[in-house]
Amino acid sequence: MEFRPCIDLHDGKVKQIVGSTLGYSNQSVVENFTSSFDSSYYAQMFAQDHITGGHVIMLGPGNEDAALAALAAFPQGLQIGGGITAANAKKYIDAGASHVIVTSYIFHDGQLDLERLKNLNELIGKEHLVIDLSCRMKDGKWFVVTDKWTKFSHFEVNAASIQYIENFCDELLIHAVDVEGKKGGMQENLVRDLAAWTSIPTTYAGGVRSLEDLEMFNQLASGKLHVTIGSALSIFGGDLPYTDVVKYCKKAG
């Protein structure tokens, strides 16, 4: 298990928000935390602690400069997502991202667009691609949600679909949409499912809020999954000491 930190960018600032409140014109975005430090501060912190594989997520427009600053501060140490397409993916790889992260670009009109996915593979290489299967439960099954998590796709996340999509990427990132940013505990059944279904590096994000949660997560996943913690972390205004998480995950290996 590895700790995979995050740098979420909104309006050019490092923030922690409730992701499921994005994308709606009739409601405000719920912000848990706005940092007084810029993106490069956090990137340098993760570099100093030798924590690779964290992700920079651009939540809407106006975040590119901050994203590029983070990549410059930790070359090859961070992944980047949010608005990634075939038109800009190579730019971010060239700017120092180890991987680009995609969801909505390859899941549009409710379907997996295999042509777009294969095009990305040819453009930047499978080894530089992370697919984000942010999902939500419907009728007892997990489905990918797109467009800032406002739309259900027809793509069910299960053992067969993960086995298939792993052929096109280097890693998977899974946001448990209903608990992400809420510091209310993880979706344990999703953690168990992902541990059983995945065979490539996979990072789970959503609801982990304490060292006890972290230990439970590692047990549920049998050490197979990596973990992201955002709003609960002390560096993002939470109560869970960042240094404790780093120590625990390095010890857990």
Protein backbone atom coordinates (compact mmCIF):
# COMPACT_ATOMS: atom_id res chain seq x y z
CA MET A 1 0.00 0.00 0.00
CA GLU A 2 1.25 3.44 -0.93
CA PHE A 3 -0.02 6.85 0.14
CA ARG A 4 -0.92 8.82 -2.98
CA PRO A 5 -1.44 12.48 -2.02
CA CYS A 6 -3.56 14.96 -3.94
CA ILE A 7 -3.32 18.59 -4.95
CA ASP A 8 -6.84 19.67 -5.90
CA LEU A 9 -6.99 23.00 -7.73
CA HIS A 10 -10.07 25.20 -7.93
CA ASP A 11 -9.99 28.80 -9.20
CA GLY A 12 -6.18 28.57 -9.22
CA LYS A 13 -5.93 27.75 -5.51
CA VAL A 14 -5.24 24.53 -3.61
CA LYS A 15 -8.54 23.49 -2.07
CA GLN A 16 -10.39 20.54 -0.67
CA ILE A 17 -13.99 20.44 -1.83
CA VAL A 18 -16.86 17.99 -1.83
CA GLY A 19 -16.46 16.79 -5.40
CA SER A 20 -20.07 15.76 -5.82
CA THR A 21 -21.13 19.43 -5.48
CA LEU A 22 -19.25 20.44 -8.63
CA GLY A 23 -20.98 20.83 -11.96
CA TYR A 24 -24.34 22.14 -10.83
CA SER A 25 -25.53 25.63 -11.79
CA ASN A 26 -28.22 25.71 -9.09
CA GLN A 27 -26.01 25.02 -6.07
CA SER A 28 -22.73 26.26 -4.64
CA VAL A 29 -19.55 24.23 -4.46
CA VAL A 30 -18.96 23.03 -0.89
CA GLU A 31 -15.40 23.93 0.11
CA ASN A 32 -13.78 22.17 3.07
CA PHE A 33 -10.48 24.04 2.91
CA THR A 34 -8.62 26.71 0.97
CA SER A 35 -4.85 26.77 1.41
CA SER A 36 -2.70 29.85 1.86
CA PHE A 37 0.11 27.93 0.14
CA ASP A 38 0.43 27.43 -3.59
CA SER A 39 0.58 24.16 -5.52
CA SER A 40 4.37 24.07 -5.70
CA TYR A 41 4.58 24.14 -1.89
CA TYR A 42 2.74 20.84 -1.67
CA ALA A 43 4.60 19.34 -4.62
CA GLN A 44 7.91 20.14 -2.91
CA MET A 45 6.64 18.62 0.33
CA PHE A 46 5.77 15.36 -1.40
CA ALA A 47 9.11 15.36 -3.21
CA GLN A 48 11.00 15.81 0.06
CA ASP A 49 9.09 12.90 1.57
CA HIS A 50 9.75 10.76 -1.54
CA ILE A 51 6.05 10.21 -2.15
CA THR A 52 5.43 9.61 -5.84
CA GLY A 53 2.21 8.95 -7.73
CA GLY A 54 0.15 11.73 -6.18
CA HIS A 55 -2.32 13.50 -8.41
CA VAL A 56 -2.92 17.10 -9.37
CA ILE A 57 -6.57 17.61 -10.30
CA MET A 58 -7.75 20.72 -12.14
CA LEU A 59 -11.35 21.30 -11.04
CA GLY A 60 -12.61 23.55 -13.79
CA PRO A 61 -10.93 26.40 -15.71
CA GLY A 62 -8.25 28.76 -14.43
CA ASN A 63 -5.99 26.10 -12.93
CA GLU A 64 -3.40 25.40 -15.61
CA ASP A 65 -0.70 27.73 -14.29
CA ALA A 66 -0.97 26.26 -10.80
CA ALA A 67 -0.92 22.74 -12.22
CA LEU A 68 2.19 23.40 -14.30
CA ALA A 69 3.89 24.94 -11.25
CA ALA A 70 3.29 21.74 -9.28
CA LEU A 71 4.66 19.58 -12.09
CA ALA A 72 7.75 21.79 -12.36
CA ALA A 73 8.36 21.46 -8.61
CA PHE A 74 8.26 17.64 -8.69
CA PRO A 75 9.08 16.40 -12.20
CA GLN A 76 7.93 12.80 -12.84
CA GLY A 77 6.51 12.64 -9.33
CA LEU A 78 2.92 13.65 -10.00
CA GLN A 79 -0.01 12.64 -12.18
CA ILE A 80 -2.43 15.21 -13.59
CA GLY A 81 -6.14 15.13 -14.36
CA GLY A 82 -9.09 17.37 -15.06
CA GLY A 83 -9.98 18.29 -18.61
CA ILE A 84 -7.36 16.02 -20.16
CA THR A 85 -7.92 15.28 -23.87
CA ALA A 86 -5.88 14.08 -26.82
CA ALA A 87 -5.23 17.75 -27.63
CA ASN A 88 -3.41 18.54 -24.37
CA ALA A 89 -2.23 15.22 -22.89
CA LYS A 90 1.25 15.32 -24.39
CA LYS A 91 1.76 18.89 -23.19
CA TYR A 92 1.40 17.80 -19.58
CA ILE A 93 3.64 14.77 -20.03
CA ASP A 94 6.26 17.05 -21.58
CA ALA A 95 5.80 19.45 -18.63
CA GLY A 96 6.82 16.75 -16.16
CA ALA A 97 3.70 14.72 -15.34
CA SER A 98 4.40 11.01 -14.98
CA HIS A 99 0.84 10.23 -16.11
CA VAL A 100 -2.34 11.94 -17.26
CA ILE A 101 -5.67 10.94 -15.73
CA VAL A 102 -8.83 10.70 -17.82
CA THR A 103 -12.51 10.03 -17.19
CA SER A 104 -15.06 12.14 -19.05
CA TYR A 105 -12.97 12.35 -22.24
CA ILE A 106 -13.18 8.59 -22.77
CA PHE A 107 -16.64 8.16 -21.23
CA HIS A 108 -18.94 10.46 -23.14
CA ASP A 109 -22.58 10.04 -24.11
CA GLY A 110 -22.71 7.36 -21.43
CA GLN A 111 -20.38 4.98 -23.24
CA LEU A 112 -16.69 4.06 -23.29
CA ASP A 113 -15.21 5.63 -26.43
CA LEU A 114 -12.67 3.03 -27.47
CA GLU A 115 -11.42 5.16 -30.35
CA ARG A 116 -10.47 8.00 -28.02
CA LEU A 117 -8.86 5.59 -25.58
CA LYS A 118 -6.76 3.92 -28.26
CA ASN A 119 -5.80 7.34 -29.63
CA LEU A 120 -4.49 8.38 -26.22
CA ASN A 121 -2.49 5.14 -26.02
CA GLU A 122 -0.87 5.89 -29.35
CA LEU A 123 -0.27 9.53 -28.48
CA ILE A 124 1.41 9.25 -25.06
CA GLY A 125 1.79 5.51 -24.46
CA LYS A 126 -0.15 3.22 -22.16
CA GLU A 127 2.60 3.68 -19.56
CA HIS A 128 1.59 7.33 -19.10
CA LEU A 129 -2.16 6.82 -18.77
CA VAL A 130 -4.32 6.52 -15.63
CA ILE A 131 -8.03 5.86 -16.04
CA ASP A 132 -10.27 7.30 -13.34
CA LEU A 133 -13.29 5.07 -12.80
CA SER A 134 -15.07 7.41 -10.40
CA CYS A 135 -18.18 5.47 -9.50
CA ARG A 136 -21.48 5.47 -7.71
CA MET A 137 -23.82 2.63 -6.83
CA LYS A 138 -27.12 2.19 -8.69
CA ASP A 139 -29.39 -0.82 -8.36
CA GLY A 140 -26.73 -2.65 -6.36
CA LYS A 141 -24.02 -2.18 -9.01
CA TRP A 142 -21.16 0.27 -9.49
CA PHE A 143 -21.30 2.62 -12.49
CA VAL A 144 -18.83 5.21 -13.73
CA VAL A 145 -20.09 8.78 -13.33
CA THR A 146 -18.83 11.56 -15.60
CA ASP A 147 -19.05 15.32 -16.23
CA LYS A 148 -17.96 16.39 -12.74
CA TRP A 149 -19.80 13.35 -11.37
CA THR A 150 -23.21 14.63 -12.48
CA LYS A 151 -24.05 11.89 -15.01
CA PHE A 152 -24.28 8.13 -14.74
CA SER A 153 -22.65 6.32 -17.63
CA HIS A 154 -23.70 2.88 -18.84
CA PHE A 155 -20.26 1.52 -17.92
CA GLU A 156 -20.55 -0.90 -15.03
CA VAL A 157 -17.45 -1.34 -12.88
CA ASN A 158 -17.03 -5.06 -12.27
CA ALA A 159 -14.40 -7.78 -12.58
CA ALA A 160 -14.84 -8.17 -16.33
CA SER A 161 -14.84 -4.46 -17.21
CA ILE A 162 -11.77 -3.78 -15.08
CA GLN A 163 -9.93 -6.72 -16.63
CA TYR A 164 -10.73 -5.25 -20.05
CA ILE A 165 -9.84 -1.63 -19.36
CA GLU A 166 -6.55 -2.54 -17.67
CA ASN A 167 -5.26 -3.37 -21.16
CA PHE A 168 -5.24 0.34 -22.00
CA CYS A 169 -3.65 2.00 -18.96
CA ASP A 170 -0.83 1.83 -16.44
CA GLU A 171 -2.92 2.51 -13.33
CA LEU A 172 -6.49 3.01 -12.13
CA LEU A 173 -7.81 5.75 -9.86
CA ILE A 174 -11.18 5.14 -8.21
CA HIS A 175 -13.11 7.90 -6.47
CA ALA A 176 -15.96 6.68 -4.28
CA VAL A 177 -18.14 9.59 -5.28
CA ASP A 178 -20.77 9.41 -2.54
CA VAL A 179 -18.24 9.65 0.31
CA GLU A 180 -15.41 11.66 -1.29
CA GLY A 181 -14.60 14.86 0.61
CA LYS A 182 -17.07 14.16 3.41
CA LYS A 183 -14.73 12.59 6.01
CA GLY A 184 -17.45 10.12 6.88
CA GLY A 185 -15.67 6.82 6.34
CA MET A 186 -14.86 4.75 3.28
CA GLN A 187 -17.13 2.59 1.14
CA GLU A 188 -15.91 -0.74 2.46
CA ASN A 189 -17.69 -2.89 -0.10
CA LEU A 190 -16.06 -0.94 -2.95
CA VAL A 191 -12.62 -1.36 -1.37
CA ARG A 192 -13.18 -5.13 -1.13
CA ASP A 193 -14.43 -5.31 -4.71
CA LEU A 194 -11.50 -3.36 -6.12
CA ALA A 195 -8.97 -5.47 -4.25
CA ALA A 196 -10.55 -8.58 -5.76
CA TRP A 197 -10.93 -7.21 -9.28
CA THR A 198 -7.77 -5.20 -10.04
CA SER A 199 -4.38 -6.48 -11.18
CA ILE A 200 -2.56 -3.18 -11.87
CA PRO A 201 -1.71 -0.37 -9.40
CA THR A 202 -5.02 1.07 -8.21
CA THR A 203 -5.64 4.05 -5.93
CA TYR A 204 -8.83 4.41 -3.90
CA ALA A 205 -10.09 7.86 -2.85
CA GLY A 206 -12.99 8.60 -0.55
CA GLY A 207 -13.75 8.90 3.14
CA VAL A 208 -10.57 7.70 4.88
CA ARG A 209 -10.31 9.97 7.93
CA SER A 210 -8.13 8.33 10.64
CA LEU A 211 -5.28 5.90 11.24
CA GLU A 212 -7.92 3.37 12.28
CA ASP A 213 -9.62 3.82 8.90
CA LEU A 214 -6.25 3.46 7.21
CA GLU A 215 -5.59 0.19 9.02
CA MET A 216 -9.05 -1.10 8.16
CA PHE A 217 -8.55 -0.06 4.54
CA ASN A 218 -5.29 -1.98 4.33
CA GLN A 219 -6.91 -5.07 5.82
CA LEU A 220 -9.94 -4.90 3.52
CA ALA A 221 -7.66 -4.47 0.50
CA SER A 222 -5.15 -7.10 1.67
CA GLY A 223 -2.44 -4.52 0.98
CA LYS A 224 -3.29 -4.47 -2.74
CA LEU A 225 -4.63 -0.94 -3.10
CA HIS A 226 -3.06 2.50 -2.73
CA VAL A 227 -4.92 5.26 -0.92
CA THR A 228 -5.60 8.97 -1.28
CA ILE A 229 -6.60 11.10 1.71
CA GLY A 230 -7.63 14.72 1.22
CA SER A 231 -9.88 16.74 3.52
CA ALA A 232 -9.06 14.69 6.62
CA LEU A 233 -5.32 15.49 6.40
CA SER A 234 -3.75 18.10 8.67
CA ILE A 235 -2.09 19.81 5.70
CA PHE A 236 -5.57 20.39 4.27
CA GLY A 237 -7.26 21.56 7.46
CA GLY A 238 -8.17 18.14 8.87
CA ASP A 239 -7.33 16.33 12.11
CA LEU A 240 -5.27 13.43 10.71
CA PRO A 241 -1.54 14.25 10.93
CA TYR A 242 0.10 14.09 7.50
CA THR A 243 3.35 12.76 9.00
CA ASP A 244 1.48 9.88 10.69
CA VAL A 245 -0.05 8.84 7.38
CA VAL A 246 3.32 8.95 5.63
CA LYS A 247 4.92 6.83 8.38
CA TYR A 248 2.08 4.32 8.47
CA CYS A 249 2.00 3.76 4.72
CA LYS A 250 5.77 3.43 4.42
CA LYS A 251 5.75 0.90 7.24
CA ALA A 252 2.83 -0.99 5.70
CA GLY A 253 4.73 -1.10 2.44
